[in-house]
Amino acid sequence: ERFLAGTAELQVVFTPDEHTCLHHYAWTRDLLMVVTLADVASRVQVYT
């Protein structure tokens, strides 16, 4: 809602680097599951 109103503060969830990128993600009700690739090897993290 704040983004629609133009008052949102953007927060960085993930930033890539030379070897690592975002692959895919999915929500449960209250948490975000994120899969990244590091030189094509997967890593899985859960974000609050």
ModelCIF file with pLDDT and N, C-alpha, C, O atoms, coordinates in Angstrom:
data_MODEL
#
_entry.id   MODEL 
#
_entity.id                         1 
_entity.type                       polymer 
_entity.pdbx_number_of_molecules   1 
#
_entity_poly.entity_id                      1 
_entity_poly.type                           'polypeptide(L)' 
_entity_poly.nstd_linkage                   no 
_entity_poly.nstd_monomer                   no 
_entity_poly.pdbx_seq_one_letter_code       ERFLAGTAELQVVFTPDEHTCLHHYAWTRDLLMVVTLADVASRVQVYT 
_entity_poly.pdbx_seq_one_letter_code_can   ERFLAGTAELQVVFTPDEHTCLHHYAWTRDLLMVVTLADVASRVQVYT 
_entity_poly.pdbx_strand_id                 A 
#
loop_
_entity_poly_seq.entity_id 
_entity_poly_seq.num 
_entity_poly_seq.mon_id 
_entity_poly_seq.hetero 
1 1  GLU n 
1 2  ARG n 
1 3  PHE n 
1 4  LEU n 
1 5  ALA n 
1 6  GLY n 
1 7  THR n 
1 8  ALA n 
1 9  GLU n 
1 10 LEU n 
1 11 GLN n 
1 12 VAL n 
1 13 VAL n 
1 14 PHE n 
1 15 THR n 
1 16 PRO n 
1 17 ASP n 
1 18 GLU n 
1 19 HIS n 
1 20 THR n 
1 21 CYS n 
1 22 LEU n 
1 23 HIS n 
1 24 HIS n 
1 25 TYR n 
1 26 ALA n 
1 27 TRP n 
1 28 THR n 
1 29 ARG n 
1 30 ASP n 
1 31 LEU n 
1 32 LEU n 
1 33 MET n 
1 34 VAL n 
1 35 VAL n 
1 36 THR n 
1 37 LEU n 
1 38 ALA n 
1 39 ASP n 
1 40 VAL n 
1 41 ALA n 
1 42 SER n 
1 43 ARG n 
1 44 VAL n 
1 45 GLN n 
1 46 VAL n 
1 47 TYR n 
1 48 THR n 
#
_struct_asym.id          A 
_struct_asym.entity_id   1 
#
loop_
_ma_qa_metric.id 
_ma_qa_metric.mode 
_ma_qa_metric.name 
_ma_qa_metric.software_group_id 
_ma_qa_metric.type 
1 global pLDDT . pLDDT 
2 local  pLDDT . pLDDT 
#
_ma_qa_metric_global.metric_id      1 
_ma_qa_metric_global.metric_value   96.19 
_ma_qa_metric_global.model_id       1 
_ma_qa_metric_global.ordinal_id     1 
#
loop_
_ma_qa_metric_local.label_asym_id 
_ma_qa_metric_local.label_comp_id 
_ma_qa_metric_local.label_seq_id 
_ma_qa_metric_local.metric_id 
_ma_qa_metric_local.metric_value 
_ma_qa_metric_local.model_id 
_ma_qa_metric_local.ordinal_id 
A GLU 1  2 97.00 1 1  
A ARG 2  2 97.00 1 2  
A PHE 3  2 97.00 1 3  
A LEU 4  2 97.00 1 4  
A ALA 5  2 96.00 1 5  
A GLY 6  2 94.00 1 6  
A THR 7  2 95.00 1 7  
A ALA 8  2 95.00 1 8  
A GLU 9  2 93.00 1 9  
A LEU 10 2 97.00 1 10 
A GLN 11 2 97.00 1 11 
A VAL 12 2 97.00 1 12 
A VAL 13 2 98.00 1 13 
A PHE 14 2 97.00 1 14 
A THR 15 2 96.00 1 15 
A PRO 16 2 96.00 1 16 
A ASP 17 2 95.00 1 17 
A GLU 18 2 93.00 1 18 
A HIS 19 2 95.00 1 19 
A THR 20 2 96.00 1 20 
A CYS 21 2 97.00 1 21 
A LEU 22 2 97.00 1 22 
A HIS 23 2 97.00 1 23 
A HIS 24 2 97.00 1 24 
A TYR 25 2 98.00 1 25 
A ALA 26 2 98.00 1 26 
A TRP 27 2 98.00 1 27 
A THR 28 2 97.00 1 28 
A ARG 29 2 97.00 1 29 
A ASP 30 2 97.00 1 30 
A LEU 31 2 97.00 1 31 
A LEU 32 2 98.00 1 32 
A MET 33 2 97.00 1 33 
A VAL 34 2 97.00 1 34 
A VAL 35 2 97.00 1 35 
A THR 36 2 97.00 1 36 
A LEU 37 2 96.00 1 37 
A ALA 38 2 94.00 1 38 
A ASP 39 2 95.00 1 39 
A VAL 40 2 95.00 1 40 
A ALA 41 2 92.00 1 41 
A SER 42 2 94.00 1 42 
A ARG 43 2 94.00 1 43 
A VAL 44 2 96.00 1 44 
A GLN 45 2 96.00 1 45 
A VAL 46 2 97.00 1 46 
A TYR 47 2 97.00 1 47 
A THR 48 2 97.00 1 48 
#
loop_
_atom_site.group_PDB 
_atom_site.id 
_atom_site.type_symbol 
_atom_site.label_atom_id 
_atom_site.label_alt_id 
_atom_site.label_comp_id 
_atom_site.label_asym_id 
_atom_site.label_entity_id 
_atom_site.label_seq_id 
_atom_site.pdbx_PDB_ins_code 
_atom_site.Cartn_x 
_atom_site.Cartn_y 
_atom_site.Cartn_z 
_atom_site.occupancy 
_atom_site.B_iso_or_equiv 
_atom_site.pdbx_formal_charge 
_atom_site.auth_seq_id 
_atom_site.auth_comp_id 
_atom_site.auth_asym_id 
_atom_site.auth_atom_id 
_atom_site.pdbx_PDB_model_num 
ATOM 1   N N  . GLU A 1 1  ? 0.831  -1.209  0.000   1.00 97.00 ? 1  GLU A N  1 
ATOM 2   C CA . GLU A 1 1  ? 0.000  0.000   0.000   1.00 97.00 ? 1  GLU A CA 1 
ATOM 3   C C  . GLU A 1 1  ? 0.861  1.252   0.000   1.00 97.00 ? 1  GLU A C  1 
ATOM 4   O O  . GLU A 1 1  ? 0.533  2.227   -0.676  1.00 97.00 ? 1  GLU A O  1 
ATOM 5   N N  . ARG A 1 2  ? 1.958  1.240   0.749   1.00 97.00 ? 2  ARG A N  1 
ATOM 6   C CA . ARG A 1 2  ? 2.837  2.403   0.756   1.00 97.00 ? 2  ARG A CA 1 
ATOM 7   C C  . ARG A 1 2  ? 3.502  2.612   -0.602  1.00 97.00 ? 2  ARG A C  1 
ATOM 8   O O  . ARG A 1 2  ? 3.730  3.744   -1.027  1.00 97.00 ? 2  ARG A O  1 
ATOM 9   N N  . PHE A 1 3  ? 3.808  1.504   -1.274  1.00 97.00 ? 3  PHE A N  1 
ATOM 10  C CA . PHE A 1 3  ? 4.413  1.654   -2.604  1.00 97.00 ? 3  PHE A CA 1 
ATOM 11  C C  . PHE A 1 3  ? 3.433  2.314   -3.561  1.00 97.00 ? 3  PHE A C  1 
ATOM 12  O O  . PHE A 1 3  ? 3.812  3.198   -4.329  1.00 97.00 ? 3  PHE A O  1 
ATOM 13  N N  . LEU A 1 4  ? 2.162  1.885   -3.520  1.00 97.00 ? 4  LEU A N  1 
ATOM 14  C CA . LEU A 1 4  ? 1.164  2.518   -4.376  1.00 97.00 ? 4  LEU A CA 1 
ATOM 15  C C  . LEU A 1 4  ? 1.032  4.001   -4.058  1.00 97.00 ? 4  LEU A C  1 
ATOM 16  O O  . LEU A 1 4  ? 0.800  4.817   -4.950  1.00 97.00 ? 4  LEU A O  1 
ATOM 17  N N  . ALA A 1 5  ? 1.178  4.342   -2.788  1.00 96.00 ? 5  ALA A N  1 
ATOM 18  C CA . ALA A 1 5  ? 1.041  5.738   -2.372  1.00 96.00 ? 5  ALA A CA 1 
ATOM 19  C C  . ALA A 1 5  ? 2.306  6.548   -2.631  1.00 96.00 ? 5  ALA A C  1 
ATOM 20  O O  . ALA A 1 5  ? 2.300  7.771   -2.490  1.00 96.00 ? 5  ALA A O  1 
ATOM 21  N N  . GLY A 1 6  ? 3.396  5.869   -3.010  1.00 94.00 ? 6  GLY A N  1 
ATOM 22  C CA . GLY A 1 6  ? 4.640  6.577   -3.279  1.00 94.00 ? 6  GLY A CA 1 
ATOM 23  C C  . GLY A 1 6  ? 5.445  6.896   -2.042  1.00 94.00 ? 6  GLY A C  1 
ATOM 24  O O  . GLY A 1 6  ? 6.349  7.730   -2.099  1.00 94.00 ? 6  GLY A O  1 
ATOM 25  N N  . THR A 1 7  ? 5.141  6.251   -0.909  1.00 95.00 ? 7  THR A N  1 
ATOM 26  C CA . THR A 1 7  ? 5.833  6.554   0.345   1.00 95.00 ? 7  THR A CA 1 
ATOM 27  C C  . THR A 1 7  ? 6.654  5.375   0.865   1.00 95.00 ? 7  THR A C  1 
ATOM 28  O O  . THR A 1 7  ? 7.142  5.418   1.994   1.00 95.00 ? 7  THR A O  1 
ATOM 29  N N  . ALA A 1 8  ? 6.811  4.336   0.069   1.00 95.00 ? 8  ALA A N  1 
ATOM 30  C CA . ALA A 1 8  ? 7.493  3.132   0.542   1.00 95.00 ? 8  ALA A CA 1 
ATOM 31  C C  . ALA A 1 8  ? 8.996  3.335   0.621   1.00 95.00 ? 8  ALA A C  1 
ATOM 32  O O  . ALA A 1 8  ? 9.597  4.047   -0.183  1.00 95.00 ? 8  ALA A O  1 
ATOM 33  N N  . GLU A 1 9  ? 9.578  2.687   1.613   1.00 93.00 ? 9  GLU A N  1 
ATOM 34  C CA . GLU A 1 9  ? 11.035 2.577   1.716   1.00 93.00 ? 9  GLU A CA 1 
ATOM 35  C C  . GLU A 1 9  ? 11.409 1.180   1.226   1.00 93.00 ? 9  GLU A C  1 
ATOM 36  O O  . GLU A 1 9  ? 11.066 0.181   1.858   1.00 93.00 ? 9  GLU A O  1 
ATOM 37  N N  . LEU A 1 10 ? 12.120 1.115   0.089   1.00 97.00 ? 10 LEU A N  1 
ATOM 38  C CA . LEU A 1 10 ? 12.485 -0.193  -0.455  1.00 97.00 ? 10 LEU A CA 1 
ATOM 39  C C  . LEU A 1 10 ? 13.568 -0.841  0.394   1.00 97.00 ? 10 LEU A C  1 
ATOM 40  O O  . LEU A 1 10 ? 14.523 -0.187  0.814   1.00 97.00 ? 10 LEU A O  1 
ATOM 41  N N  . GLN A 1 11 ? 13.408 -2.118  0.637   1.00 97.00 ? 11 GLN A N  1 
ATOM 42  C CA . GLN A 1 11 ? 14.392 -2.885  1.383   1.00 97.00 ? 11 GLN A CA 1 
ATOM 43  C C  . GLN A 1 11 ? 14.995 -3.952  0.472   1.00 97.00 ? 11 GLN A C  1 
ATOM 44  O O  . GLN A 1 11 ? 14.294 -4.562  -0.335  1.00 97.00 ? 11 GLN A O  1 
ATOM 45  N N  . VAL A 1 12 ? 16.283 -4.165  0.609   1.00 97.00 ? 12 VAL A N  1 
ATOM 46  C CA . VAL A 1 12 ? 16.986 -5.144  -0.212  1.00 97.00 ? 12 VAL A CA 1 
ATOM 47  C C  . VAL A 1 12 ? 16.906 -6.509  0.464   1.00 97.00 ? 12 VAL A C  1 
ATOM 48  O O  . VAL A 1 12 ? 17.376 -6.690  1.587   1.00 97.00 ? 12 VAL A O  1 
ATOM 49  N N  . VAL A 1 13 ? 16.310 -7.454  -0.229  1.00 98.00 ? 13 VAL A N  1 
ATOM 50  C CA . VAL A 1 13 ? 16.249 -8.825  0.263   1.00 98.00 ? 13 VAL A CA 1 
ATOM 51  C C  . VAL A 1 13 ? 17.484 -9.605  -0.185  1.00 98.00 ? 13 VAL A C  1 
ATOM 52  O O  . VAL A 1 13 ? 18.076 -10.349 0.597   1.00 98.00 ? 13 VAL A O  1 
ATOM 53  N N  . PHE A 1 14 ? 17.867 -9.429  -1.452  1.00 97.00 ? 14 PHE A N  1 
ATOM 54  C CA . PHE A 1 14 ? 19.005 -10.165 -2.006  1.00 97.00 ? 14 PHE A CA 1 
ATOM 55  C C  . PHE A 1 14 ? 19.710 -9.299  -3.034  1.00 97.00 ? 14 PHE A C  1 
ATOM 56  O O  . PHE A 1 14 ? 19.068 -8.619  -3.835  1.00 97.00 ? 14 PHE A O  1 
ATOM 57  N N  . THR A 1 15 ? 21.049 -9.330  -3.004  1.00 96.00 ? 15 THR A N  1 
ATOM 58  C CA . THR A 1 15 ? 21.874 -8.659  -4.002  1.00 96.00 ? 15 THR A CA 1 
ATOM 59  C C  . THR A 1 15 ? 22.817 -9.679  -4.611  1.00 96.00 ? 15 THR A C  1 
ATOM 60  O O  . THR A 1 15 ? 23.477 -10.405 -3.867  1.00 96.00 ? 15 THR A O  1 
ATOM 61  N N  . PRO A 1 16 ? 22.911 -9.767  -5.934  1.00 96.00 ? 16 PRO A N  1 
ATOM 62  C CA . PRO A 1 16 ? 23.791 -10.752 -6.562  1.00 96.00 ? 16 PRO A CA 1 
ATOM 63  C C  . PRO A 1 16 ? 25.250 -10.320 -6.488  1.00 96.00 ? 16 PRO A C  1 
ATOM 64  O O  . PRO A 1 16 ? 25.555 -9.162  -6.201  1.00 96.00 ? 16 PRO A O  1 
ATOM 65  N N  . ASP A 1 17 ? 26.135 -11.260 -6.748  1.00 95.00 ? 17 ASP A N  1 
ATOM 66  C CA . ASP A 1 17 ? 27.542 -10.929 -6.924  1.00 95.00 ? 17 ASP A CA 1 
ATOM 67  C C  . ASP A 1 17 ? 28.057 -11.653 -8.162  1.00 95.00 ? 17 ASP A C  1 
ATOM 68  O O  . ASP A 1 17 ? 27.271 -12.199 -8.937  1.00 95.00 ? 17 ASP A O  1 
ATOM 69  N N  . GLU A 1 18 ? 29.352 -11.660 -8.346  1.00 93.00 ? 18 GLU A N  1 
ATOM 70  C CA . GLU A 1 18 ? 29.936 -12.215 -9.566  1.00 93.00 ? 18 GLU A CA 1 
ATOM 71  C C  . GLU A 1 18 ? 29.614 -13.687 -9.747  1.00 93.00 ? 18 GLU A C  1 
ATOM 72  O O  . GLU A 1 18 ? 29.553 -14.178 -10.875 1.00 93.00 ? 18 GLU A O  1 
ATOM 73  N N  . HIS A 1 19 ? 29.405 -14.401 -8.636  1.00 95.00 ? 19 HIS A N  1 
ATOM 74  C CA . HIS A 1 19 ? 29.204 -15.846 -8.708  1.00 95.00 ? 19 HIS A CA 1 
ATOM 75  C C  . HIS A 1 19 ? 27.791 -16.287 -8.343  1.00 95.00 ? 19 HIS A C  1 
ATOM 76  O O  . HIS A 1 19 ? 27.406 -17.419 -8.633  1.00 95.00 ? 19 HIS A O  1 
ATOM 77  N N  . THR A 1 20 ? 27.009 -15.407 -7.708  1.00 96.00 ? 20 THR A N  1 
ATOM 78  C CA . THR A 1 20 ? 25.743 -15.821 -7.110  1.00 96.00 ? 20 THR A CA 1 
ATOM 79  C C  . THR A 1 20 ? 24.582 -15.017 -7.676  1.00 96.00 ? 20 THR A C  1 
ATOM 80  O O  . THR A 1 20 ? 24.696 -13.810 -7.889  1.00 96.00 ? 20 THR A O  1 
ATOM 81  N N  . CYS A 1 21 ? 23.454 -15.701 -7.920  1.00 97.00 ? 21 CYS A N  1 
ATOM 82  C CA . CYS A 1 21 ? 22.265 -15.028 -8.435  1.00 97.00 ? 21 CYS A CA 1 
ATOM 83  C C  . CYS A 1 21 ? 21.013 -15.629 -7.806  1.00 97.00 ? 21 CYS A C  1 
ATOM 84  O O  . CYS A 1 21 ? 21.041 -16.726 -7.247  1.00 97.00 ? 21 CYS A O  1 
ATOM 85  N N  . LEU A 1 22 ? 19.930 -14.894 -7.911  1.00 97.00 ? 22 LEU A N  1 
ATOM 86  C CA . LEU A 1 22 ? 18.632 -15.384 -7.474  1.00 97.00 ? 22 LEU A CA 1 
ATOM 87  C C  . LEU A 1 22 ? 18.113 -16.396 -8.488  1.00 97.00 ? 22 LEU A C  1 
ATOM 88  O O  . LEU A 1 22 ? 18.153 -16.154 -9.694  1.00 97.00 ? 22 LEU A O  1 
ATOM 89  N N  . HIS A 1 23 ? 17.626 -17.532 -7.990  1.00 97.00 ? 23 HIS A N  1 
ATOM 90  C CA . HIS A 1 23 ? 17.093 -18.566 -8.886  1.00 97.00 ? 23 HIS A CA 1 
ATOM 91  C C  . HIS A 1 23 ? 15.561 -18.580 -8.850  1.00 97.00 ? 23 HIS A C  1 
ATOM 92  O O  . HIS A 1 23 ? 14.919 -18.378 -9.882  1.00 97.00 ? 23 HIS A O  1 
ATOM 93  N N  . HIS A 1 24 ? 14.968 -18.816 -7.673  1.00 97.00 ? 24 HIS A N  1 
ATOM 94  C CA . HIS A 1 24 ? 13.519 -18.721 -7.536  1.00 97.00 ? 24 HIS A CA 1 
ATOM 95  C C  . HIS A 1 24 ? 13.171 -18.601 -6.053  1.00 97.00 ? 24 HIS A C  1 
ATOM 96  O O  . HIS A 1 24 ? 14.010 -18.815 -5.179  1.00 97.00 ? 24 HIS A O  1 
ATOM 97  N N  . TYR A 1 25 ? 11.900 -18.251 -5.796  1.00 98.00 ? 25 TYR A N  1 
ATOM 98  C CA . TYR A 1 25 ? 11.477 -18.101 -4.407  1.00 98.00 ? 25 TYR A CA 1 
ATOM 99  C C  . TYR A 1 25 ? 10.003 -18.449 -4.290  1.00 98.00 ? 25 TYR A C  1 
ATOM 100 O O  . TYR A 1 25 ? 9.294  -18.533 -5.293  1.00 98.00 ? 25 TYR A O  1 
ATOM 101 N N  . ALA A 1 26 ? 9.544  -18.653 -3.047  1.00 98.00 ? 26 ALA A N  1 
ATOM 102 C CA . ALA A 1 26 ? 8.136  -18.956 -2.796  1.00 98.00 ? 26 ALA A CA 1 
ATOM 103 C C  . ALA A 1 26 ? 7.796  -18.546 -1.369  1.00 98.00 ? 26 ALA A C  1 
ATOM 104 O O  . ALA A 1 26 ? 8.646  -18.578 -0.479  1.00 98.00 ? 26 ALA A O  1 
ATOM 105 N N  . TRP A 1 27 ? 6.530  -18.155 -1.166  1.00 98.00 ? 27 TRP A N  1 
ATOM 106 C CA . TRP A 1 27 ? 6.050  -17.733 0.141   1.00 98.00 ? 27 TRP A CA 1 
ATOM 107 C C  . TRP A 1 27 ? 5.325  -18.867 0.864   1.00 98.00 ? 27 TRP A C  1 
ATOM 108 O O  . TRP A 1 27 ? 4.557  -19.615 0.259   1.00 98.00 ? 27 TRP A O  1 
ATOM 109 N N  . THR A 1 28 ? 5.578  -18.982 2.156   1.00 97.00 ? 28 THR A N  1 
ATOM 110 C CA . THR A 1 28 ? 4.590  -19.573 3.039   1.00 97.00 ? 28 THR A CA 1 
ATOM 111 C C  . THR A 1 28 ? 3.778  -18.388 3.581   1.00 97.00 ? 28 THR A C  1 
ATOM 112 O O  . THR A 1 28 ? 3.936  -17.264 3.104   1.00 97.00 ? 28 THR A O  1 
ATOM 113 N N  . ARG A 1 29 ? 2.928  -18.628 4.554   1.00 97.00 ? 29 ARG A N  1 
ATOM 114 C CA . ARG A 1 29 ? 2.117  -17.508 5.036   1.00 97.00 ? 29 ARG A CA 1 
ATOM 115 C C  . ARG A 1 29 ? 2.985  -16.384 5.575   1.00 97.00 ? 29 ARG A C  1 
ATOM 116 O O  . ARG A 1 29 ? 2.720  -15.219 5.279   1.00 97.00 ? 29 ARG A O  1 
ATOM 117 N N  . ASP A 1 30 ? 4.010  -16.693 6.353   1.00 97.00 ? 30 ASP A N  1 
ATOM 118 C CA . ASP A 1 30 ? 4.746  -15.670 7.080   1.00 97.00 ? 30 ASP A CA 1 
ATOM 119 C C  . ASP A 1 30 ? 6.227  -15.603 6.753   1.00 97.00 ? 30 ASP A C  1 
ATOM 120 O O  . ASP A 1 30 ? 6.925  -14.734 7.276   1.00 97.00 ? 30 ASP A O  1 
ATOM 121 N N  . LEU A 1 31 ? 6.724  -16.479 5.914   1.00 97.00 ? 31 LEU A N  1 
ATOM 122 C CA . LEU A 1 31 ? 8.152  -16.505 5.614   1.00 97.00 ? 31 LEU A CA 1 
ATOM 123 C C  . LEU A 1 31 ? 8.378  -16.645 4.115   1.00 97.00 ? 31 LEU A C  1 
ATOM 124 O O  . LEU A 1 31 ? 7.513  -17.123 3.382   1.00 97.00 ? 31 LEU A O  1 
ATOM 125 N N  . LEU A 1 32 ? 9.568  -16.214 3.670   1.00 98.00 ? 32 LEU A N  1 
ATOM 126 C CA . LEU A 1 32 ? 9.944  -16.274 2.258   1.00 98.00 ? 32 LEU A CA 1 
ATOM 127 C C  . LEU A 1 32 ? 11.087 -17.257 2.082   1.00 98.00 ? 32 LEU A C  1 
ATOM 128 O O  . LEU A 1 32 ? 12.144 -17.115 2.697   1.00 98.00 ? 32 LEU A O  1 
ATOM 129 N N  . MET A 1 33 ? 10.862 -18.263 1.230   1.00 97.00 ? 33 MET A N  1 
ATOM 130 C CA . MET A 1 33 ? 11.902 -19.241 0.900   1.00 97.00 ? 33 MET A CA 1 
ATOM 131 C C  . MET A 1 33 ? 12.591 -18.800 -0.386  1.00 97.00 ? 33 MET A C  1 
ATOM 132 O O  . MET A 1 33 ? 11.922 -18.526 -1.382  1.00 97.00 ? 33 MET A O  1 
ATOM 133 N N  . VAL A 1 34 ? 13.929 -18.729 -0.375  1.00 97.00 ? 34 VAL A N  1 
ATOM 134 C CA . VAL A 1 34 ? 14.689 -18.235 -1.519  1.00 97.00 ? 34 VAL A CA 1 
ATOM 135 C C  . VAL A 1 34 ? 15.762 -19.251 -1.904  1.00 97.00 ? 34 VAL A C  1 
ATOM 136 O O  . VAL A 1 34 ? 16.514 -19.727 -1.053  1.00 97.00 ? 34 VAL A O  1 
ATOM 137 N N  . VAL A 1 35 ? 15.825 -19.577 -3.196  1.00 97.00 ? 35 VAL A N  1 
ATOM 138 C CA . VAL A 1 35 ? 16.875 -20.441 -3.735  1.00 97.00 ? 35 VAL A CA 1 
ATOM 139 C C  . VAL A 1 35 ? 17.786 -19.584 -4.603  1.00 97.00 ? 35 VAL A C  1 
ATOM 140 O O  . VAL A 1 35 ? 17.321 -18.900 -5.514  1.00 97.00 ? 35 VAL A O  1 
ATOM 141 N N  . THR A 1 36 ? 19.069 -19.623 -4.321  1.00 97.00 ? 36 THR A N  1 
ATOM 142 C CA . THR A 1 36 ? 20.054 -18.917 -5.134  1.00 97.00 ? 36 THR A CA 1 
ATOM 143 C C  . THR A 1 36 ? 20.990 -19.931 -5.785  1.00 97.00 ? 36 THR A C  1 
ATOM 144 O O  . THR A 1 36 ? 21.044 -21.094 -5.386  1.00 97.00 ? 36 THR A O  1 
ATOM 145 N N  . LEU A 1 37 ? 21.723 -19.469 -6.791  1.00 96.00 ? 37 LEU A N  1 
ATOM 146 C CA . LEU A 1 37 ? 22.734 -20.292 -7.452  1.00 96.00 ? 37 LEU A CA 1 
ATOM 147 C C  . LEU A 1 37 ? 24.100 -19.663 -7.245  1.00 96.00 ? 37 LEU A C  1 
ATOM 148 O O  . LEU A 1 37 ? 24.281 -18.470 -7.490  1.00 96.00 ? 37 LEU A O  1 
ATOM 149 N N  . ALA A 1 38 ? 25.055 -20.452 -6.799  1.00 94.00 ? 38 ALA A N  1 
ATOM 150 C CA . ALA A 1 38 ? 26.444 -20.022 -6.670  1.00 94.00 ? 38 ALA A CA 1 
ATOM 151 C C  . ALA A 1 38 ? 27.274 -20.898 -7.598  1.00 94.00 ? 38 ALA A C  1 
ATOM 152 O O  . ALA A 1 38 ? 27.527 -22.066 -7.302  1.00 94.00 ? 38 ALA A O  1 
ATOM 153 N N  . ASP A 1 39 ? 27.700 -20.321 -8.733  1.00 95.00 ? 39 ASP A N  1 
ATOM 154 C CA . ASP A 1 39 ? 28.345 -21.108 -9.790  1.00 95.00 ? 39 ASP A CA 1 
ATOM 155 C C  . ASP A 1 39 ? 27.507 -22.339 -10.122 1.00 95.00 ? 39 ASP A C  1 
ATOM 156 O O  . ASP A 1 39 ? 28.026 -23.446 -10.264 1.00 95.00 ? 39 ASP A O  1 
ATOM 157 N N  . VAL A 1 40 ? 26.195 -22.118 -10.243 1.00 95.00 ? 40 VAL A N  1 
ATOM 158 C CA . VAL A 1 40 ? 25.181 -23.082 -10.664 1.00 95.00 ? 40 VAL A CA 1 
ATOM 159 C C  . VAL A 1 40 ? 24.899 -24.146 -9.592  1.00 95.00 ? 40 VAL A C  1 
ATOM 160 O O  . VAL A 1 40 ? 24.226 -25.136 -9.878  1.00 95.00 ? 40 VAL A O  1 
ATOM 161 N N  . ALA A 1 41 ? 25.398 -23.957 -8.371  1.00 92.00 ? 41 ALA A N  1 
ATOM 162 C CA . ALA A 1 41 ? 25.053 -24.839 -7.255  1.00 92.00 ? 41 ALA A CA 1 
ATOM 163 C C  . ALA A 1 41 ? 24.028 -24.125 -6.381  1.00 92.00 ? 41 ALA A C  1 
ATOM 164 O O  . ALA A 1 41 ? 24.191 -22.943 -6.079  1.00 92.00 ? 41 ALA A O  1 
ATOM 165 N N  . SER A 1 42 ? 22.976 -24.830 -5.973  1.00 94.00 ? 42 SER A N  1 
ATOM 166 C CA . SER A 1 42 ? 21.867 -24.182 -5.272  1.00 94.00 ? 42 SER A CA 1 
ATOM 167 C C  . SER A 1 42 ? 22.150 -23.996 -3.787  1.00 94.00 ? 42 SER A C  1 
ATOM 168 O O  . SER A 1 42 ? 22.829 -24.803 -3.153  1.00 94.00 ? 42 SER A O  1 
ATOM 169 N N  . ARG A 1 43 ? 21.602 -22.898 -3.251  1.00 94.00 ? 43 ARG A N  1 
ATOM 170 C CA . ARG A 1 43 ? 21.607 -22.596 -1.822  1.00 94.00 ? 43 ARG A CA 1 
ATOM 171 C C  . ARG A 1 43 ? 20.185 -22.189 -1.459  1.00 94.00 ? 43 ARG A C  1 
ATOM 172 O O  . ARG A 1 43 ? 19.521 -21.501 -2.234  1.00 94.00 ? 43 ARG A O  1 
ATOM 173 N N  . VAL A 1 44 ? 19.714 -22.607 -0.292  1.00 96.00 ? 44 VAL A N  1 
ATOM 174 C CA . VAL A 1 44 ? 18.344 -22.305 0.123   1.00 96.00 ? 44 VAL A CA 1 
ATOM 175 C C  . VAL A 1 44 ? 18.382 -21.572 1.461   1.00 96.00 ? 44 VAL A C  1 
ATOM 176 O O  . VAL A 1 44 ? 19.049 -21.999 2.403   1.00 96.00 ? 44 VAL A O  1 
ATOM 177 N N  . GLN A 1 45 ? 17.646 -20.451 1.522   1.00 96.00 ? 45 GLN A N  1 
ATOM 178 C CA . GLN A 1 45 ? 17.562 -19.673 2.753   1.00 96.00 ? 45 GLN A CA 1 
ATOM 179 C C  . GLN A 1 45 ? 16.111 -19.290 3.007   1.00 96.00 ? 45 GLN A C  1 
ATOM 180 O O  . GLN A 1 45 ? 15.292 -19.243 2.089   1.00 96.00 ? 45 GLN A O  1 
ATOM 181 N N  . VAL A 1 46 ? 15.809 -19.017 4.283   1.00 97.00 ? 46 VAL A N  1 
ATOM 182 C CA . VAL A 1 46 ? 14.483 -18.563 4.659   1.00 97.00 ? 46 VAL A CA 1 
ATOM 183 C C  . VAL A 1 46 ? 14.611 -17.157 5.238   1.00 97.00 ? 46 VAL A C  1 
ATOM 184 O O  . VAL A 1 46 ? 15.453 -16.904 6.099   1.00 97.00 ? 46 VAL A O  1 
ATOM 185 N N  . TYR A 1 47 ? 13.764 -16.243 4.752   1.00 97.00 ? 47 TYR A N  1 
ATOM 186 C CA . TYR A 1 47 ? 13.813 -14.837 5.135   1.00 97.00 ? 47 TYR A CA 1 
ATOM 187 C C  . TYR A 1 47 ? 12.596 -14.477 5.977   1.00 97.00 ? 47 TYR A C  1 
ATOM 188 O O  . TYR A 1 47 ? 11.485 -14.949 5.736   1.00 97.00 ? 47 TYR A O  1 
ATOM 189 N N  . THR A 1 48 ? 12.837 -13.628 6.973   1.00 97.00 ? 48 THR A N  1 
ATOM 190 C CA . THR A 1 48 ? 11.770 -13.105 7.809   1.00 97.00 ? 48 THR A CA 1 
ATOM 191 C C  . THR A 1 48 ? 11.362 -11.738 7.297   1.00 97.00 ? 48 THR A C  1 
ATOM 192 O O  . THR A 1 48 ? 10.467 -11.109 7.862   1.00 97.00 ? 48 THR A O  1 
#
